[in-house]
C-alpha atoms as a PDB file:
ATOM      1  CA  ARG A   1      49.461 101.425 124.421  1.00  0.00           C
ATOM      2  CA  LYS A   2      51.545  98.051 124.558  1.00  0.00           C
ATOM      3  CA  THR A   3      54.294  98.150 122.061  1.00  0.00           C
ATOM      4  CA  THR A   4      55.682  94.534 122.716  1.00  0.00           C
ATOM      5  CA  GLY A   5      54.234  91.523 122.700  1.00  0.00           C
ATOM      6  CA  TYR A   6      54.641  88.134 121.047  1.00  0.00           C
ATOM      7  CA  LEU A   7      55.627  89.359 117.635  1.00  0.00           C
ATOM      8  CA  CYS A   8      58.441  87.075 116.320  1.00  0.00           C
ATOM      9  CA  CYS A   9      60.677  87.322 113.109  1.00  0.00           C
ATOM     10  CA  SER A  10      59.766  84.634 110.409  1.00  0.00           C
ATOM     11  CA  TYR A  11      63.365  84.535 109.544  1.00  0.00           C
ATOM     12  CA  CYS A  12      65.448  84.399 112.730  1.00  0.00           C
ATOM     13  CA  TYR A  13      62.787  83.704 115.452  1.00  0.00           C
ATOM     14  CA  LYS A  14      63.975  86.573 117.533  1.00  0.00           C
ATOM     15  CA  THR A  15      60.922  87.190 119.839  1.00  0.00           C
ATOM     16  CA  ASN A  16      59.309  90.200 121.548  1.00  0.00           C
ATOM     17  CA  LEU A  17      59.944  92.465 118.637  1.00  0.00           C
ATOM     18  CA  ILE A  18      58.745  96.218 119.226  1.00  0.00           C
ATOM     19  CA  ILE A  19      56.303  98.039 117.176  1.00  0.00           C
ATOM     20  CA  GLU A  20      57.869 101.331 116.561  1.00  0.00           C
ATOM     21  CA  ARG A  21      55.700 104.313 117.178  1.00  0.00           C
ATOM     22  CA  GLN A  22      55.903 108.064 116.339  1.00  0.00           C
ATOM     23  CA  GLY A  23      58.802 109.437 118.500  1.00  0.00           C
ATOM     24  CA  MET A  24      60.327 106.046 119.513  1.00  0.00           C
ATOM     25  CA  LYS A  25      63.986 105.093 118.771  1.00  0.00           C
ATOM     26  CA  VAL A  26      63.866 101.347 118.223  1.00  0.00           C
ATOM     27  CA  PRO A  27      67.079  99.509 117.454  1.00  0.00           C
ATOM     28  CA  GLU A  28      66.788  97.614 114.042  1.00  0.00           C
ATOM     29  CA  SER A  29      67.417  94.332 115.597  1.00  0.00           C
ATOM     30  CA  LYS A  30      64.284  94.813 118.115  1.00  0.00           C
ATOM     31  CA  LYS A  31      62.247  96.613 115.503  1.00  0.00           C
ATOM     32  CA  ALA A  32      59.122  94.775 114.267  1.00  0.00           C
ATOM     33  CA  THR A  33      58.660  95.449 110.389  1.00  0.00           C
ATOM     34  CA  ILE A  34      56.495  93.998 107.782  1.00  0.00           C
ATOM     35  CA  ASP A  35      58.120  92.073 104.850  1.00  0.00           C
ATOM     36  CA  HIS A  36      56.632  91.279 101.618  1.00  0.00           C
ATOM     37  CA  ILE A  37      57.626  87.271 101.027  1.00  0.00           C
ATOM     38  CA  ILE A  38      57.701  87.645  97.487  1.00  0.00           C
ATOM     39  CA  PRO A  39      59.255  91.190  96.945  1.00  0.00           C
ATOM     40  CA  THR A  40      57.273  93.738  95.056  1.00  0.00           C
ATOM     41  CA  SER A  41      60.121  94.101  92.753  1.00  0.00           C
ATOM     42  CA  LYS A  42      59.748  90.590  91.619  1.00  0.00           C
ATOM     43  CA  GLY A  43      56.129  90.637  90.879  1.00  0.00           C
ATOM     44  CA  GLY A  44      54.776  90.131  94.638  1.00  0.00           C
ATOM     45  CA  ASP A  45      51.448  91.537  95.455  1.00  0.00           C
ATOM     46  CA  PRO A  46      51.915  94.562  97.867  1.00  0.00           C
ATOM     47  CA  PHE A  47      48.394  94.470  98.999  1.00  0.00           C
ATOM     48  CA  ASP A  48      47.948  90.818  99.558  1.00  0.00           C
ATOM     49  CA  TYR A  49      48.000  89.641 103.385  1.00  0.00           C
ATOM     50  CA  ALA A  50      49.234  86.314 102.158  1.00  0.00           C
ATOM     51  CA  ASN A  51      52.476  87.845 101.001  1.00  0.00           C
ATOM     52  CA  LEU A  52      53.242  89.531 104.224  1.00  0.00           C
ATOM     53  CA  CYS A  53      55.190  88.429 107.296  1.00  0.00           C
ATOM     54  CA  VAL A  54      56.675  89.976 110.649  1.00  0.00           C
ATOM     55  CA  SER A  55      60.476  90.319 110.291  1.00  0.00           C
ATOM     56  CA  CYS A  56      62.915  92.009 112.474  1.00  0.00           C
ATOM     57  CA  GLY A  57      64.428  95.211 110.999  1.00  0.00           C
ATOM     58  CA  THR A  58      67.770  93.471 110.637  1.00  0.00           C
ATOM     59  CA  CYS A  59      66.436  90.461 108.565  1.00  0.00           C
ATOM     60  CA  ASN A  60      64.024  92.897 106.528  1.00  0.00           C
ATOM     61  CA  HIS A  61      67.057  94.908 105.645  1.00  0.00           C
ATOM     62  CA  GLU A  62      69.410  91.978 104.711  1.00  0.00           C
ATOM     63  CA  LYS A  63      66.671  90.039 102.620  1.00  0.00           C
ATOM     64  CA  SER A  64      66.030  93.329 100.577  1.00  0.00           C
ATOM     65  CA  ASP A  65      64.493  92.099  97.403  1.00  0.00           C
ATOM     66  CA  MET A  66      65.746  88.335  97.778  1.00  0.00           C
ATOM     67  CA  SER A  67      63.353  85.625  97.271  1.00  0.00           C
ATOM     68  CA  VAL A  68      62.882  83.637 100.701  1.00  0.00           C
ATOM     69  CA  GLU A  69      64.804  80.705  99.626  1.00  0.00           C
ATOM     70  CA  ASP A  70      67.810  82.829  98.294  1.00  0.00           C
ATOM     71  CA  TYR A  71      67.756  84.585 101.663  1.00  0.00           C
ATOM     72  CA  LEU A  72      67.580  81.330 103.810  1.00  0.00           C
ATOM     73  CA  ILE A  73      70.350  79.999 101.756  1.00  0.00           C
ATOM     74  CA  TYR A  74      72.295  83.250 102.312  1.00  0.00           C
ATOM     75  CA  LYS A  75      71.775  82.990 106.128  1.00  0.00           C
ATOM     76  CA  GLY A  76      72.757  79.275 105.988  1.00  0.00           C
ATOM     77  CA  ASN A  77      69.824  78.012 107.981  1.00  0.00           C
ATOM     78  CA  GLN A  78      69.420  74.536 106.384  1.00  0.00           C
ATOM     79  CA  SER A  79      66.743  73.162 108.561  1.00  0.00           C
ATOM     80  CA  GLN A  80      64.555  76.291 107.742  1.00  0.00           C
ATOM     81  CA  ILE A  81      65.205  75.742 103.770  1.00  0.00           C
ATOM     82  CA  LEU A  82      64.173  72.190 104.210  1.00  0.00           C
ATOM     83  CA  TRP A  83      60.901  73.285 105.909  1.00  0.00           C
ATOM     84  CA  TYR A  84      60.443  75.932 103.249  1.00  0.00           C
ATOM     85  CA  LYS A  85      60.753  73.383 100.552  1.00  0.00           C
ATOM     86  CA  LYS A  86      58.272  70.917 102.153  1.00  0.00           C
ATOM     87  CA  PHE A  87      55.833  73.833 102.673  1.00  0.00           C
ATOM     88  CA  ILE A  88      55.991  74.870  98.973  1.00  0.00           C
ATOM     89  CA  VAL A  89      55.422  71.395  97.895  1.00  0.00           C
ATOM     90  CA  PHE A  90      52.325  71.013 100.289  1.00  0.00           C
ATOM     91  CA  LEU A  91      50.960  74.420  99.024  1.00  0.00           C
ATOM     92  CA  ASN A  92      51.412  73.164  95.290  1.00  0.00           C
ATOM     93  CA  LYS A  93      49.613  69.930  95.963  1.00  0.00           C
ATOM     94  CA  THR A  94      46.728  71.851  97.982  1.00  0.00           C
ATOM     95  CA  THR A  95      46.333  74.396  95.237  1.00  0.00           C
ATOM     96  CA  TYR A  96      46.242  71.718  92.511  1.00  0.00           C
ATOM     97  CA  LYS A  97      43.521  69.761  94.309  1.00  0.00           C
ATOM     98  CA  LEU A  98      41.526  72.846  94.774  1.00  0.00           C
ATOM     99  CA  LEU A  99      41.873  74.066  91.130  1.00  0.00           C
ATOM    100  CA  THR A 100      40.955  70.408  89.723  1.00  0.00           C
ATOM    101  CA  ARG A 101      38.035  69.511  92.154  1.00  0.00           C
ATOM    102  CA  PRO A 102      34.552  69.105  90.437  1.00  0.00           C
END
């Protein structure tokens, strides 16, 4: 089975993350993990695919139960924070249009 590919961390953009299989030992920094965008401890749905993203083990561990915005501020990635804020505005406008459509 193929264990590496095009998986990329959503937070640090590390590429070629490895899916750990039974019996494998993969370093945290190279391990592909699934992160809850809105942490389940803060009301995020654990089963909603829209609340999941790929992250490396290091970022997933560091982010813990922080919001994406708080984590990006913690990481100090200003360009990613700006993109995230614009994306949230876009989502809010799109959601409003969908909800108010006749």
